[in-house]
């Protein structure tokens, strides 16, 4: 995400309507407006993925806590390490 934000920042500084983007080892001519649109879509997509992963992480943590509580009950209330 940082790389995309940096690219957006640098792209917004240029007044030239024609820019070049790197595709593999070559540079391809592109319109600044198209590049801004592509980068903004990429940034949005990355943001959605981050949010999804954070939600999954929260669910896994809650499930782990629940399993630890159940294990403690099964072991007669002995505290578990970890």
Protein backbone atom coordinates (compact mmCIF):
# COMPACT_ATOMS: atom_id res chain seq x y z
CA UNK A 1 0.00 0.00 0.00
CA UNK A 2 2.87 2.39 0.80
CA UNK A 3 4.30 1.91 -2.68
CA UNK A 4 0.94 2.73 -4.26
CA UNK A 5 0.51 5.82 -2.10
CA UNK A 6 4.02 7.00 -2.96
CA UNK A 7 3.30 6.52 -6.67
CA UNK A 8 0.07 8.51 -6.35
CA UNK A 9 1.90 11.31 -4.55
CA UNK A 10 4.62 11.52 -7.17
CA UNK A 11 2.13 11.28 -10.02
CA UNK A 12 0.06 14.14 -8.62
CA UNK A 13 3.18 16.35 -8.61
CA UNK A 14 3.75 16.07 -12.35
CA UNK A 15 1.96 18.39 -14.75
CA UNK A 16 2.76 16.28 -17.79
CA UNK A 17 -0.34 14.40 -19.05
CA UNK A 18 1.86 11.59 -20.40
CA UNK A 19 3.67 9.29 -17.99
CA UNK A 20 5.42 5.94 -18.19
CA UNK A 21 4.72 2.84 -16.16
CA UNK A 22 6.97 -0.11 -15.62
CA UNK A 23 5.72 -3.46 -16.85
CA UNK A 24 8.36 -6.04 -16.13
CA UNK A 25 11.60 -4.67 -17.50
CA UNK A 26 10.07 -2.20 -19.97
CA UNK A 27 8.45 1.23 -19.68
CA UNK A 28 5.09 1.77 -21.36
CA UNK A 29 3.64 5.17 -22.26
CA UNK A 30 0.38 5.92 -20.44
CA UNK A 31 -1.97 8.80 -19.76
CA UNK A 32 -1.64 10.38 -16.33
CA UNK A 33 -5.42 10.23 -15.75
CA UNK A 34 -5.49 6.52 -16.57
CA UNK A 35 -2.55 5.86 -14.29
CA UNK A 36 -4.19 7.79 -11.42
CA UNK A 37 -7.39 5.78 -11.88
CA UNK A 38 -5.50 2.48 -11.92
CA UNK A 39 -3.50 3.36 -8.81
CA UNK A 40 -6.60 4.51 -6.92
CA UNK A 41 -8.37 1.25 -7.78
CA UNK A 42 -5.32 -0.71 -6.65
CA UNK A 43 -5.20 1.26 -3.38
CA UNK A 44 -8.90 0.60 -2.75
CA UNK A 45 -8.47 -3.11 -3.49
CA UNK A 46 -5.52 -3.37 -1.11
CA UNK A 47 -7.52 -1.57 1.58
CA UNK A 48 -10.39 -4.04 1.20
CA UNK A 49 -7.99 -6.99 1.44
CA UNK A 50 -6.39 -5.54 4.58
CA UNK A 51 -9.81 -5.07 6.19
CA UNK A 52 -10.82 -8.62 5.30
CA UNK A 53 -7.62 -10.09 6.74
CA UNK A 54 -8.01 -8.05 9.94
CA UNK A 55 -11.55 -9.39 10.39
CA UNK A 56 -10.33 -12.94 9.81
CA UNK A 57 -7.56 -12.39 12.36
CA UNK A 58 -10.09 -11.18 14.94
CA UNK A 59 -12.30 -14.23 14.36
CA UNK A 60 -9.33 -16.58 14.74
CA UNK A 61 -8.25 -14.86 17.97
CA UNK A 62 -11.76 -15.13 19.42
CA UNK A 63 -11.94 -18.80 18.43
CA UNK A 64 -8.55 -19.43 20.05
CA UNK A 65 -9.64 -17.74 23.28
CA UNK A 66 -12.81 -19.82 23.30
CA UNK A 67 -10.85 -23.02 22.74
CA UNK A 68 -8.41 -22.10 25.54
CA UNK A 69 -11.32 -21.56 27.94
CA UNK A 70 -12.82 -24.90 26.96
CA UNK A 71 -9.46 -26.60 27.43
CA UNK A 72 -9.05 -25.05 30.88
CA UNK A 73 -12.49 -26.33 31.85
CA UNK A 74 -11.66 -29.78 30.52
CA UNK A 75 -8.40 -29.82 32.50
CA UNK A 76 -10.20 -28.90 35.69
CA UNK A 77 -9.45 -25.20 35.69
CA UNK A 78 -5.67 -25.48 35.42
CA UNK A 79 -4.20 -22.43 33.67
CA UNK A 80 -2.68 -23.11 30.28
CA UNK A 81 0.61 -21.61 29.16
CA UNK A 82 0.87 -19.49 26.00
